[in-house]
Amino acid sequence: MVKKHILPLAGMERLMKSAGADRVSEDSKVELRDVLEDIAFELSQKAMKFSIHAGRKTIKAEDIKLASKERT
């Protein structure tokens, strides 16, 4: 199965440059996108479980915060 990417590579470059990088390779943009999408997917799944536990269908910011705290 081919994974469809959601985050744009241009955003990865802007993120790394805002962190101080002078130059950014194409491979590094792809790798950062892959890592961030995996983390976001995992957080979204955990946040969904929190919202269902709370009796909601809507994921709220508090669910994301709880999911991110559980990750560390």
N, C-alpha and C. Protein backbone atom coordinates (compact mmCIF):
# COMPACT_ATOMS: atom_id res chain seq x y z
N MET A 1 0.84 -1.19 0.00
CA MET A 1 0.00 0.00 0.00
C MET A 1 0.89 1.25 0.00
N VAL A 2 0.57 2.18 -0.84
CA VAL A 2 1.30 3.44 -0.93
C VAL A 2 0.71 4.41 0.08
N LYS A 3 1.57 4.98 0.89
CA LYS A 3 1.12 5.93 1.90
C LYS A 3 0.89 7.29 1.28
N LYS A 4 -0.30 7.84 1.47
CA LYS A 4 -0.59 9.19 0.97
C LYS A 4 -0.17 10.20 2.04
N HIS A 5 0.64 11.14 1.61
CA HIS A 5 1.14 12.14 2.56
C HIS A 5 0.19 13.33 2.64
N ILE A 6 0.12 13.89 3.84
CA ILE A 6 -0.78 15.01 4.11
C ILE A 6 0.00 16.31 4.23
N LEU A 7 1.13 16.26 4.91
CA LEU A 7 1.92 17.47 5.15
C LEU A 7 2.78 17.81 3.93
N PRO A 8 2.81 19.07 3.54
CA PRO A 8 3.61 19.46 2.37
C PRO A 8 5.10 19.57 2.70
N LEU A 9 5.93 19.21 1.74
CA LEU A 9 7.38 19.30 1.94
C LEU A 9 7.83 20.74 2.14
N ALA A 10 7.16 21.67 1.50
CA ALA A 10 7.54 23.09 1.67
C ALA A 10 7.42 23.50 3.14
N GLY A 11 6.42 22.97 3.82
CA GLY A 11 6.25 23.27 5.24
C GLY A 11 7.38 22.71 6.08
N MET A 12 7.89 21.55 5.67
CA MET A 12 9.01 20.94 6.39
C MET A 12 10.26 21.80 6.26
N GLU A 13 10.47 22.31 5.06
CA GLU A 13 11.62 23.19 4.83
C GLU A 13 11.50 24.48 5.65
N ARG A 14 10.32 25.06 5.65
CA ARG A 14 10.12 26.29 6.45
C ARG A 14 10.36 26.02 7.93
N LEU A 15 9.90 24.88 8.40
CA LEU A 15 10.07 24.52 9.80
C LEU A 15 11.56 24.39 10.15
N MET A 16 12.30 23.67 9.33
CA MET A 16 13.73 23.49 9.60
C MET A 16 14.51 24.79 9.47
N LYS A 17 14.12 25.63 8.51
CA LYS A 17 14.81 26.91 8.37
C LYS A 17 14.48 27.84 9.54
N SER A 18 13.26 27.77 10.04
CA SER A 18 12.92 28.59 11.20
C SER A 18 13.66 28.11 12.45
N ALA A 19 14.10 26.85 12.42
CA ALA A 19 14.90 26.30 13.53
C ALA A 19 16.38 26.63 13.37
N GLY A 20 16.72 27.29 12.25
CA GLY A 20 18.08 27.76 12.07
C GLY A 20 18.87 27.12 10.94
N ALA A 21 18.28 26.19 10.21
CA ALA A 21 19.01 25.54 9.11
C ALA A 21 19.21 26.52 7.96
N ASP A 22 20.42 26.53 7.41
CA ASP A 22 20.69 27.36 6.24
C ASP A 22 20.20 26.68 4.97
N ARG A 23 20.51 25.39 4.87
CA ARG A 23 20.12 24.61 3.70
C ARG A 23 19.44 23.34 4.17
N VAL A 24 18.50 22.85 3.36
CA VAL A 24 17.73 21.67 3.72
C VAL A 24 17.68 20.73 2.52
N SER A 25 18.09 19.49 2.70
CA SER A 25 18.06 18.54 1.59
C SER A 25 16.64 18.00 1.39
N GLU A 26 16.39 17.51 0.21
CA GLU A 26 15.09 16.91 -0.12
C GLU A 26 14.83 15.70 0.77
N ASP A 27 15.87 14.89 0.99
CA ASP A 27 15.72 13.70 1.83
C ASP A 27 15.33 14.07 3.26
N SER A 28 15.90 15.14 3.79
CA SER A 28 15.58 15.54 5.16
C SER A 28 14.14 16.02 5.27
N LYS A 29 13.65 16.70 4.24
CA LYS A 29 12.24 17.14 4.24
C LYS A 29 11.30 15.94 4.24
N VAL A 30 11.62 14.96 3.41
CA VAL A 30 10.80 13.74 3.32
C VAL A 30 10.81 12.99 4.66
N GLU A 31 11.99 12.85 5.24
CA GLU A 31 12.11 12.11 6.50
C GLU A 31 11.37 12.82 7.63
N LEU A 32 11.50 14.15 7.73
CA LEU A 32 10.79 14.89 8.77
C LEU A 32 9.29 14.75 8.58
N ARG A 33 8.82 14.85 7.34
CA ARG A 33 7.39 14.68 7.07
C ARG A 33 6.91 13.31 7.53
N ASP A 34 7.67 12.28 7.20
CA ASP A 34 7.28 10.92 7.59
C ASP A 34 7.19 10.76 9.10
N VAL A 35 8.19 11.28 9.80
CA VAL A 35 8.21 11.19 11.26
C VAL A 35 7.04 11.96 11.87
N LEU A 36 6.83 13.20 11.42
CA LEU A 36 5.75 14.02 11.97
C LEU A 36 4.37 13.43 11.68
N GLU A 37 4.20 12.87 10.49
CA GLU A 37 2.91 12.25 10.17
C GLU A 37 2.66 11.02 11.03
N ASP A 38 3.70 10.24 11.30
CA ASP A 38 3.54 9.07 12.18
C ASP A 38 3.16 9.50 13.59
N ILE A 39 3.83 10.53 14.10
CA ILE A 39 3.53 11.03 15.44
C ILE A 39 2.11 11.60 15.49
N ALA A 40 1.73 12.38 14.49
CA ALA A 40 0.40 12.97 14.45
C ALA A 40 -0.69 11.90 14.37
N PHE A 41 -0.45 10.85 13.61
CA PHE A 41 -1.41 9.77 13.49
C PHE A 41 -1.60 9.07 14.84
N GLU A 42 -0.49 8.79 15.50
CA GLU A 42 -0.53 8.14 16.81
C GLU A 42 -1.27 9.02 17.83
N LEU A 43 -0.95 10.30 17.86
CA LEU A 43 -1.62 11.22 18.78
C LEU A 43 -3.12 11.31 18.48
N SER A 44 -3.46 11.33 17.21
CA SER A 44 -4.87 11.41 16.82
C SER A 44 -5.64 10.18 17.28
N GLN A 45 -5.04 9.02 17.15
CA GLN A 45 -5.70 7.79 17.60
C GLN A 45 -5.93 7.81 19.11
N LYS A 46 -4.90 8.22 19.86
CA LYS A 46 -5.04 8.30 21.32
C LYS A 46 -6.07 9.35 21.71
N ALA A 47 -6.06 10.50 21.04
CA ALA A 47 -7.02 11.57 21.34
C ALA A 47 -8.44 11.11 21.05
N MET A 48 -8.61 10.33 20.00
CA MET A 48 -9.93 9.80 19.67
C MET A 48 -10.43 8.91 20.79
N LYS A 49 -9.57 8.09 21.36
CA LYS A 49 -9.96 7.23 22.48
C LYS A 49 -10.39 8.05 23.69
N PHE A 50 -9.67 9.14 23.94
CA PHE A 50 -10.05 10.03 25.05
C PHE A 50 -11.42 10.66 24.81
N SER A 51 -11.67 11.10 23.59
CA SER A 51 -12.96 11.73 23.30
C SER A 51 -14.10 10.72 23.42
N ILE A 52 -13.89 9.50 22.95
CA ILE A 52 -14.92 8.46 23.07
C ILE A 52 -15.16 8.14 24.54
N HIS A 53 -14.09 8.04 25.31
CA HIS A 53 -14.23 7.78 26.75
C HIS A 53 -15.04 8.88 27.44
N ALA A 54 -14.91 10.10 26.96
CA ALA A 54 -15.65 11.23 27.53
C ALA A 54 -17.07 11.33 26.96
N GLY A 55 -17.44 10.39 26.07
CA GLY A 55 -18.79 10.39 25.51
C GLY A 55 -18.98 11.36 24.36
N ARG A 56 -17.87 11.73 23.71
CA ARG A 56 -17.94 12.67 22.59
C ARG A 56 -17.47 12.02 21.31
N LYS A 57 -17.95 12.55 20.18
CA LYS A 57 -17.46 12.14 18.87
C LYS A 57 -16.41 13.13 18.36
N THR A 58 -16.38 14.29 18.97
CA THR A 58 -15.48 15.37 18.55
C THR A 58 -14.19 15.34 19.36
N ILE A 59 -13.06 15.33 18.66
CA ILE A 59 -11.78 15.45 19.34
C ILE A 59 -11.54 16.92 19.67
N LYS A 60 -11.24 17.18 20.92
CA LYS A 60 -10.99 18.55 21.37
C LYS A 60 -9.51 18.73 21.69
N ALA A 61 -9.12 19.98 21.86
CA ALA A 61 -7.73 20.30 22.17
C ALA A 61 -7.27 19.58 23.43
N GLU A 62 -8.14 19.46 24.40
CA GLU A 62 -7.78 18.78 25.65
C GLU A 62 -7.43 17.31 25.41
N ASP A 63 -8.09 16.69 24.43
CA ASP A 63 -7.78 15.30 24.10
C ASP A 63 -6.38 15.18 23.50
N ILE A 64 -6.03 16.13 22.64
CA ILE A 64 -4.70 16.15 22.04
C ILE A 64 -3.65 16.38 23.13
N LYS A 65 -3.92 17.29 24.05
CA LYS A 65 -2.97 17.56 25.14
C LYS A 65 -2.77 16.33 26.00
N LEU A 66 -3.84 15.64 26.34
CA LEU A 66 -3.73 14.42 27.13
C LEU A 66 -2.95 13.35 26.38
N ALA A 67 -3.22 13.19 25.11
CA ALA A 67 -2.54 12.20 24.29
C ALA A 67 -1.05 12.51 24.21
N SER A 68 -0.70 13.78 24.10
CA SER A 68 0.72 14.14 23.99
C SER A 68 1.44 13.95 25.31
N LYS A 69 0.75 14.14 26.42
CA LYS A 69 1.37 13.90 27.73
C LYS A 69 1.60 12.42 27.95
N GLU A 70 0.68 11.61 27.46
CA GLU A 70 0.80 10.16 27.61
C GLU A 70 1.96 9.62 26.80
N ARG A 71 2.32 10.32 25.74
CA ARG A 71 3.38 9.88 24.82
C ARG A 71 4.75 9.98 25.46
N THR A 72 4.95 10.92 26.38
CA THR A 72 6.27 11.12 26.96
C THR A 72 6.58 10.18 28.09
